[in-house]
Amino acid sequence: MNWNMWVRQIHRWLSIIFTATVVANFVAMGFGEPPAWVVYSPLLPLFLLLFTGLYMFALPYVSKPRGEQW
């Protein structure tokens, strides 16, 4: 697999982890005041999703066109 495929795969897994931490946050809030580590646990996957998402967003703009020969 090349670099772009790795970034896409990491982005997919990070989205699953982020969703799970948000769900865990809401479940913990249902039982009362959650601990701080539960409240802030979605932040790390969210920031990593930001970086991988920005990379994938900018990729078509910075890569050379496929039809163009150098």
PDB file of N, CA and C in Angstrom:
ATOM      1  N   MET A   1       0.836  -1.186   0.000  1.00  0.00           N
ATOM      2  CA  MET A   1       0.000   0.000   0.000  1.00  0.00           C
ATOM      3  C   MET A   1       0.877   1.245   0.000  1.00  0.00           C
ATOM      4  N   ASN A   2       0.447   2.242  -0.729  1.00  0.00           N
ATOM      5  CA  ASN A   2       1.213   3.479  -0.755  1.00  0.00           C
ATOM      6  C   ASN A   2       0.775   4.405   0.389  1.00  0.00           C
ATOM      7  N   TRP A   3       1.427   5.542   0.470  1.00  0.00           N
ATOM      8  CA  TRP A   3       1.214   6.482   1.571  1.00  0.00           C
ATOM      9  C   TRP A   3      -0.234   6.960   1.634  1.00  0.00           C
ATOM     10  N   ASN A   4      -0.851   7.276   0.490  1.00  0.00           N
ATOM     11  CA  ASN A   4      -2.222   7.787   0.487  1.00  0.00           C
ATOM     12  C   ASN A   4      -3.212   6.748   1.008  1.00  0.00           C
ATOM     13  N   MET A   5      -2.985   5.489   0.668  1.00  0.00           N
ATOM     14  CA  MET A   5      -3.880   4.444   1.156  1.00  0.00           C
ATOM     15  C   MET A   5      -3.751   4.272   2.669  1.00  0.00           C
ATOM     16  N   TRP A   6      -2.539   4.424   3.198  1.00  0.00           N
ATOM     17  CA  TRP A   6      -2.341   4.341   4.645  1.00  0.00           C
ATOM     18  C   TRP A   6      -3.073   5.475   5.360  1.00  0.00           C
ATOM     19  N   VAL A   7      -2.994   6.675   4.807  1.00  0.00           N
ATOM     20  CA  VAL A   7      -3.662   7.822   5.432  1.00  0.00           C
ATOM     21  C   VAL A   7      -5.171   7.615   5.415  1.00  0.00           C
ATOM     22  N   ARG A   8      -5.706   7.116   4.319  1.00  0.00           N
ATOM     23  CA  ARG A   8      -7.145   6.857   4.237  1.00  0.00           C
ATOM     24  C   ARG A   8      -7.570   5.787   5.244  1.00  0.00           C
ATOM     25  N   GLN A   9      -6.784   4.736   5.363  1.00  0.00           N
ATOM     26  CA  GLN A   9      -7.118   3.669   6.305  1.00  0.00           C
ATOM     27  C   GLN A   9      -7.047   4.177   7.743  1.00  0.00           C
ATOM     28  N   ILE A  10      -6.029   4.950   8.064  1.00  0.00           N
ATOM     29  CA  ILE A  10      -5.906   5.528   9.408  1.00  0.00           C
ATOM     30  C   ILE A  10      -7.079   6.458   9.684  1.00  0.00           C
ATOM     31  N   HIS A  11      -7.476   7.237   8.687  1.00  0.00           N
ATOM     32  CA  HIS A  11      -8.602   8.154   8.846  1.00  0.00           C
ATOM     33  C   HIS A  11      -9.896   7.385   9.142  1.00  0.00           C
ATOM     34  N   ARG A  12     -10.095   6.269   8.456  1.00  0.00           N
ATOM     35  CA  ARG A  12     -11.287   5.455   8.702  1.00  0.00           C
ATOM     36  C   ARG A  12     -11.305   4.908  10.122  1.00  0.00           C
ATOM     37  N   TRP A  13     -10.173   4.367  10.571  1.00  0.00           N
ATOM     38  CA  TRP A  13     -10.124   3.811  11.915  1.00  0.00           C
ATOM     39  C   TRP A  13     -10.251   4.897  12.972  1.00  0.00           C
ATOM     40  N   LEU A  14      -9.682   6.056  12.724  1.00  0.00           N
ATOM     41  CA  LEU A  14      -9.815   7.163  13.670  1.00  0.00           C
ATOM     42  C   LEU A  14     -11.269   7.607  13.786  1.00  0.00           C
ATOM     43  N   SER A  15     -12.008   7.567  12.687  1.00  0.00           N
ATOM     44  CA  SER A  15     -13.413   7.963  12.750  1.00  0.00           C
ATOM     45  C   SER A  15     -14.213   6.984  13.600  1.00  0.00           C
ATOM     46  N   ILE A  16     -13.872   5.700  13.527  1.00  0.00           N
ATOM     47  CA  ILE A  16     -14.543   4.708  14.361  1.00  0.00           C
ATOM     48  C   ILE A  16     -14.207   4.941  15.830  1.00  0.00           C
ATOM     49  N   ILE A  17     -12.942   5.196  16.116  1.00  0.00           N
ATOM     50  CA  ILE A  17     -12.518   5.459  17.502  1.00  0.00           C
ATOM     51  C   ILE A  17     -13.171   6.727  18.036  1.00  0.00           C
ATOM     52  N   PHE A  18     -13.228   7.767  17.216  1.00  0.00           N
ATOM     53  CA  PHE A  18     -13.851   9.026  17.629  1.00  0.00           C
ATOM     54  C   PHE A  18     -15.332   8.816  17.950  1.00  0.00           C
ATOM     55  N   THR A  19     -16.029   8.093  17.083  1.00  0.00           N
ATOM     56  CA  THR A  19     -17.447   7.833  17.316  1.00  0.00           C
ATOM     57  C   THR A  19     -17.652   7.046  18.602  1.00  0.00           C
ATOM     58  N   ALA A  20     -16.813   6.065  18.843  1.00  0.00           N
ATOM     59  CA  ALA A  20     -16.934   5.264  20.064  1.00  0.00           C
ATOM     60  C   ALA A  20     -16.686   6.105  21.315  1.00  0.00           C
ATOM     61  N   THR A  21     -15.727   7.016  21.270  1.00  0.00           N
ATOM     62  CA  THR A  21     -15.460   7.854  22.446  1.00  0.00           C
ATOM     63  C   THR A  21     -16.592   8.848  22.688  1.00  0.00           C
ATOM     64  N   VAL A  22     -17.207   9.339  21.623  1.00  0.00           N
ATOM     65  CA  VAL A  22     -18.351  10.252  21.803  1.00  0.00           C
ATOM     66  C   VAL A  22     -19.532   9.499  22.396  1.00  0.00           C
ATOM     67  N   VAL A  23     -19.787   8.293  21.907  1.00  0.00           N
ATOM     68  CA  VAL A  23     -20.876   7.481  22.470  1.00  0.00           C
ATOM     69  C   VAL A  23     -20.589   7.165  23.932  1.00  0.00           C
ATOM     70  N   ALA A  24     -19.351   6.802  24.248  1.00  0.00           N
ATOM     71  CA  ALA A  24     -18.988   6.522  25.638  1.00  0.00           C
ATOM     72  C   ALA A  24     -19.166   7.764  26.514  1.00  0.00           C
ATOM     73  N   ASN A  25     -18.902   8.917  25.951  1.00  0.00           N
ATOM     74  CA  ASN A  25     -19.082  10.170  26.684  1.00  0.00           C
ATOM     75  C   ASN A  25     -20.550  10.372  27.044  1.00  0.00           C
ATOM     76  N   PHE A  26     -21.445  10.154  26.088  1.00  0.00           N
ATOM     77  CA  PHE A  26     -22.873  10.328  26.358  1.00  0.00           C
ATOM     78  C   PHE A  26     -23.391   9.270  27.327  1.00  0.00           C
ATOM     79  N   VAL A  27     -22.899   8.054  27.222  1.00  0.00           N
ATOM     80  CA  VAL A  27     -23.302   7.008  28.159  1.00  0.00           C
ATOM     81  C   VAL A  27     -22.840   7.366  29.570  1.00  0.00           C
ATOM     82  N   ALA A  28     -21.617   7.849  29.691  1.00  0.00           N
ATOM     83  CA  ALA A  28     -21.096   8.237  31.004  1.00  0.00           C
ATOM     84  C   ALA A  28     -21.881   9.408  31.581  1.00  0.00           C
ATOM     85  N   MET A  29     -22.311  10.332  30.734  1.00  0.00           N
ATOM     86  CA  MET A  29     -23.115  11.462  31.223  1.00  0.00           C
ATOM     87  C   MET A  29     -24.486  11.004  31.710  1.00  0.00           C
ATOM     88  N   GLY A  30     -24.960   9.896  31.168  1.00  0.00           N
ATOM     89  CA  GLY A  30     -26.238   9.360  31.630  1.00  0.00           C
ATOM     90  C   GLY A  30     -26.184   8.834  33.049  1.00  0.00           C
ATOM     91  N   PHE A  31     -25.005   8.480  33.517  1.00  0.00           N
ATOM     92  CA  PHE A  31     -24.835   7.976  34.878  1.00  0.00           C
ATOM     93  C   PHE A  31     -24.422   9.053  35.870  1.00  0.00           C
ATOM     94  N   GLY A  32     -24.362  10.287  35.424  1.00  0.00           N
ATOM     95  CA  GLY A  32     -23.962  11.373  36.321  1.00  0.00           C
ATOM     96  C   GLY A  32     -22.775  12.113  35.731  1.00  0.00           C
ATOM     97  N   GLU A  33     -22.066  12.788  36.593  1.00  0.00           N
ATOM     98  CA  GLU A  33     -20.908  13.572  36.163  1.00  0.00           C
ATOM     99  C   GLU A  33     -19.753  12.635  35.789  1.00  0.00           C
ATOM    100  N   PRO A  34     -19.350  12.640  34.514  1.00  0.00           N
ATOM    101  CA  PRO A  34     -18.262  11.740  34.102  1.00  0.00           C
ATOM    102  C   PRO A  34     -16.900  12.287  34.518  1.00  0.00           C
ATOM    103  N   PRO A  35     -15.912  11.417  34.648  1.00  0.00           N
ATOM    104  CA  PRO A  35     -14.561  11.893  34.952  1.00  0.00           C
ATOM    105  C   PRO A  35     -13.989  12.694  33.778  1.00  0.00           C
ATOM    106  N   ALA A  36     -12.994  13.478  34.072  1.00  0.00           N
ATOM    107  CA  ALA A  36     -12.429  14.374  33.059  1.00  0.00           C
ATOM    108  C   ALA A  36     -11.828  13.596  31.882  1.00  0.00           C
ATOM    109  N   TRP A  37     -11.225  12.434  32.131  1.00  0.00           N
ATOM    110  CA  TRP A  37     -10.596  11.698  31.038  1.00  0.00           C
ATOM    111  C   TRP A  37     -11.637  11.190  30.047  1.00  0.00           C
ATOM    112  N   VAL A  38     -12.866  10.941  30.509  1.00  0.00           N
ATOM    113  CA  VAL A  38     -13.922  10.522  29.589  1.00  0.00           C
ATOM    114  C   VAL A  38     -14.389  11.702  28.759  1.00  0.00           C
ATOM    115  N   VAL A  39     -14.494  12.856  29.394  1.00  0.00           N
ATOM    116  CA  VAL A  39     -14.967  14.050  28.692  1.00  0.00           C
ATOM    117  C   VAL A  39     -13.981  14.466  27.611  1.00  0.00           C
ATOM    118  N   TYR A  40     -12.691  14.390  27.903  1.00  0.00           N
ATOM    119  CA  TYR A  40     -11.687  14.858  26.952  1.00  0.00           C
ATOM    120  C   TYR A  40     -11.151  13.761  26.026  1.00  0.00           C
ATOM    121  N   SER A  41     -11.604  12.547  26.185  1.00  0.00           N
ATOM    122  CA  SER A  41     -11.093  11.446  25.357  1.00  0.00           C
ATOM    123  C   SER A  41     -11.364  11.601  23.855  1.00  0.00           C
ATOM    124  N   PRO A  42     -12.453  12.243  23.411  1.00  0.00           N
ATOM    125  CA  PRO A  42     -12.632  12.393  21.961  1.00  0.00           C
ATOM    126  C   PRO A  42     -11.686  13.398  21.301  1.00  0.00           C
ATOM    127  N   LEU A  43     -10.976  14.183  22.085  1.00  0.00           N
ATOM    128  CA  LEU A  43     -10.164  15.242  21.491  1.00  0.00           C
ATOM    129  C   LEU A  43      -8.963  14.726  20.701  1.00  0.00           C
ATOM    130  N   LEU A  44      -8.278  13.718  21.194  1.00  0.00           N
ATOM    131  CA  LEU A  44      -7.114  13.201  20.470  1.00  0.00           C
ATOM    132  C   LEU A  44      -7.503  12.631  19.107  1.00  0.00           C
ATOM    133  N   PRO A  45      -8.511  11.744  19.016  1.00  0.00           N
ATOM    134  CA  PRO A  45      -8.893  11.272  17.682  1.00  0.00           C
ATOM    135  C   PRO A  45      -9.422  12.403  16.796  1.00  0.00           C
ATOM    136  N   LEU A  46     -10.065  13.398  17.407  1.00  0.00           N
ATOM    137  CA  LEU A  46     -10.589  14.510  16.618  1.00  0.00           C
ATOM    138  C   LEU A  46      -9.463  15.308  15.969  1.00  0.00           C
ATOM    139  N   PHE A  47      -8.400  15.604  16.721  1.00  0.00           N
ATOM    140  CA  PHE A  47      -7.279  16.334  16.148  1.00  0.00           C
ATOM    141  C   PHE A  47      -6.552  15.518  15.088  1.00  0.00           C
ATOM    142  N   LEU A  48      -6.416  14.211  15.325  1.00  0.00           N
ATOM    143  CA  LEU A  48      -5.794  13.366  14.306  1.00  0.00           C
ATOM    144  C   LEU A  48      -6.664  13.280  13.058  1.00  0.00           C
ATOM    145  N   LEU A  49      -7.986  13.250  13.237  1.00  0.00           N
ATOM    146  CA  LEU A  49      -8.892  13.284  12.090  1.00  0.00           C
ATOM    147  C   LEU A  49      -8.756  14.594  11.322  1.00  0.00           C
ATOM    148  N   LEU A  50      -8.538  15.675  12.044  1.00  0.00           N
ATOM    149  CA  LEU A  50      -8.349  16.967  11.394  1.00  0.00           C
ATOM    150  C   LEU A  50      -7.139  16.936  10.468  1.00  0.00           C
ATOM    151  N   PHE A  51      -6.026  16.420  10.949  1.00  0.00           N
ATOM    152  CA  PHE A  51      -4.810  16.403  10.150  1.00  0.00           C
ATOM    153  C   PHE A  51      -4.916  15.459   8.958  1.00  0.00           C
ATOM    154  N   THR A  52      -5.468  14.259   9.167  1.00  0.00           N
ATOM    155  CA  THR A  52      -5.600  13.339   8.047  1.00  0.00           C
ATOM    156  C   THR A  52      -6.632  13.837   7.050  1.00  0.00           C
ATOM    157  N   GLY A  53      -7.687  14.457   7.544  1.00  0.00           N
ATOM    158  CA  GLY A  53      -8.708  15.006   6.650  1.00  0.00           C
ATOM    159  C   GLY A  53      -8.182  16.170   5.827  1.00  0.00           C
ATOM    160  N   LEU A  54      -7.401  17.042   6.450  1.00  0.00           N
ATOM    161  CA  LEU A  54      -6.815  18.155   5.700  1.00  0.00           C
ATOM    162  C   LEU A  54      -5.820  17.658   4.660  1.00  0.00           C
ATOM    163  N   TYR A  55      -5.082  16.606   5.001  1.00  0.00           N
ATOM    164  CA  TYR A  55      -4.146  16.019   4.042  1.00  0.00           C
ATOM    165  C   TYR A  55      -4.904  15.485   2.829  1.00  0.00           C
ATOM    166  N   MET A  56      -5.975  14.735   3.080  1.00  0.00           N
ATOM    167  CA  MET A  56      -6.738  14.175   1.964  1.00  0.00           C
ATOM    168  C   MET A  56      -7.462  15.260   1.169  1.00  0.00           C
ATOM    169  N   PHE A  57      -7.867  16.340   1.838  1.00  0.00           N
ATOM    170  CA  PHE A  57      -8.528  17.441   1.142  1.00  0.00           C
ATOM    171  C   PHE A  57      -7.558  18.161   0.211  1.00  0.00           C
ATOM    172  N   ALA A  58      -6.333  18.380   0.676  1.00  0.00           N
ATOM    173  CA  ALA A  58      -5.357  19.139  -0.106  1.00  0.00           C
ATOM    174  C   ALA A  58      -4.665  18.296  -1.169  1.00  0.00           C
ATOM    175  N   LEU A  59      -4.724  16.999  -1.062  1.00  0.00           N
ATOM    176  CA  LEU A  59      -3.999  16.112  -1.974  1.00  0.00           C
ATOM    177  C   LEU A  59      -4.308  16.355  -3.449  1.00  0.00           C
ATOM    178  N   PRO A  60      -5.555  16.482  -3.866  1.00  0.00           N
ATOM    179  CA  PRO A  60      -5.802  16.715  -5.298  1.00  0.00           C
ATOM    180  C   PRO A  60      -5.277  18.060  -5.796  1.00  0.00           C
ATOM    181  N   TYR A  61      -5.165  19.024  -4.908  1.00  0.00           N
ATOM    182  CA  TYR A  61      -4.716  20.355  -5.318  1.00  0.00           C
ATOM    183  C   TYR A  61      -3.201  20.467  -5.431  1.00  0.00           C
ATOM    184  N   VAL A  62      -2.474  19.644  -4.704  1.00  0.00           N
ATOM    185  CA  VAL A  62      -1.018  19.743  -4.722  1.00  0.00           C
ATOM    186  C   VAL A  62      -0.355  18.664  -5.581  1.00  0.00           C
ATOM    187  N   SER A  63      -1.086  17.626  -5.944  1.00  0.00           N
ATOM    188  CA  SER A  63      -0.507  16.576  -6.774  1.00  0.00           C
ATOM    189  C   SER A  63      -0.637  16.965  -8.239  1.00  0.00           C
ATOM    190  N   LYS A  64       0.248  16.406  -9.056  1.00  0.00           N
ATOM    191  CA  LYS A  64       0.188  16.733 -10.475  1.00  0.00           C
ATOM    192  C   LYS A  64      -1.002  16.023 -11.115  1.00  0.00           C
ATOM    193  N   PRO A  65      -1.587  16.615 -12.120  1.00  0.00           N
ATOM    194  CA  PRO A  65      -2.715  15.977 -12.794  1.00  0.00           C
ATOM    195  C   PRO A  65      -2.308  14.646 -13.419  1.00  0.00           C
ATOM    196  N   ARG A  66      -3.225  13.684 -13.457  1.00  0.00           N
ATOM    197  CA  ARG A  66      -2.910  12.367 -13.947  1.00  0.00           C
ATOM    198  C   ARG A  66      -2.661  12.349 -15.459  1.00  0.00           C
ATOM    199  N   GLY A  67      -3.366  13.157 -16.188  1.00  0.00           N
ATOM    200  CA  GLY A  67      -3.243  13.135 -17.650  1.00  0.00           C
ATOM    201  C   GLY A  67      -2.028  13.885 -18.159  1.00  0.00           C
ATOM    202  N   GLU A  68      -1.430  14.691 -17.330  1.00  0.00           N
ATOM    203  CA  GLU A  68      -0.320  15.540 -17.763  1.00  0.00           C
ATOM    204  C   GLU A  68       0.993  14.774 -17.672  1.00  0.00           C
ATOM    205  N   GLN A  69       1.759  14.808 -18.732  1.00  0.00           N
ATOM    206  CA  GLN A  69       3.078  14.143 -18.775  1.00  0.00           C
ATOM    207  C   GLN A  69       4.176  15.178 -18.594  1.00  0.00           C
ATOM    208  N   TRP A  70       5.176  14.864 -17.803  1.00  0.00           N
ATOM    209  CA  TRP A  70       6.291  15.801 -17.580  1.00  0.00           C
ATOM    210  C   TRP A  70       7.479  15.386 -18.381  1.00  0.00           C
TER     211      TRP A  70
END
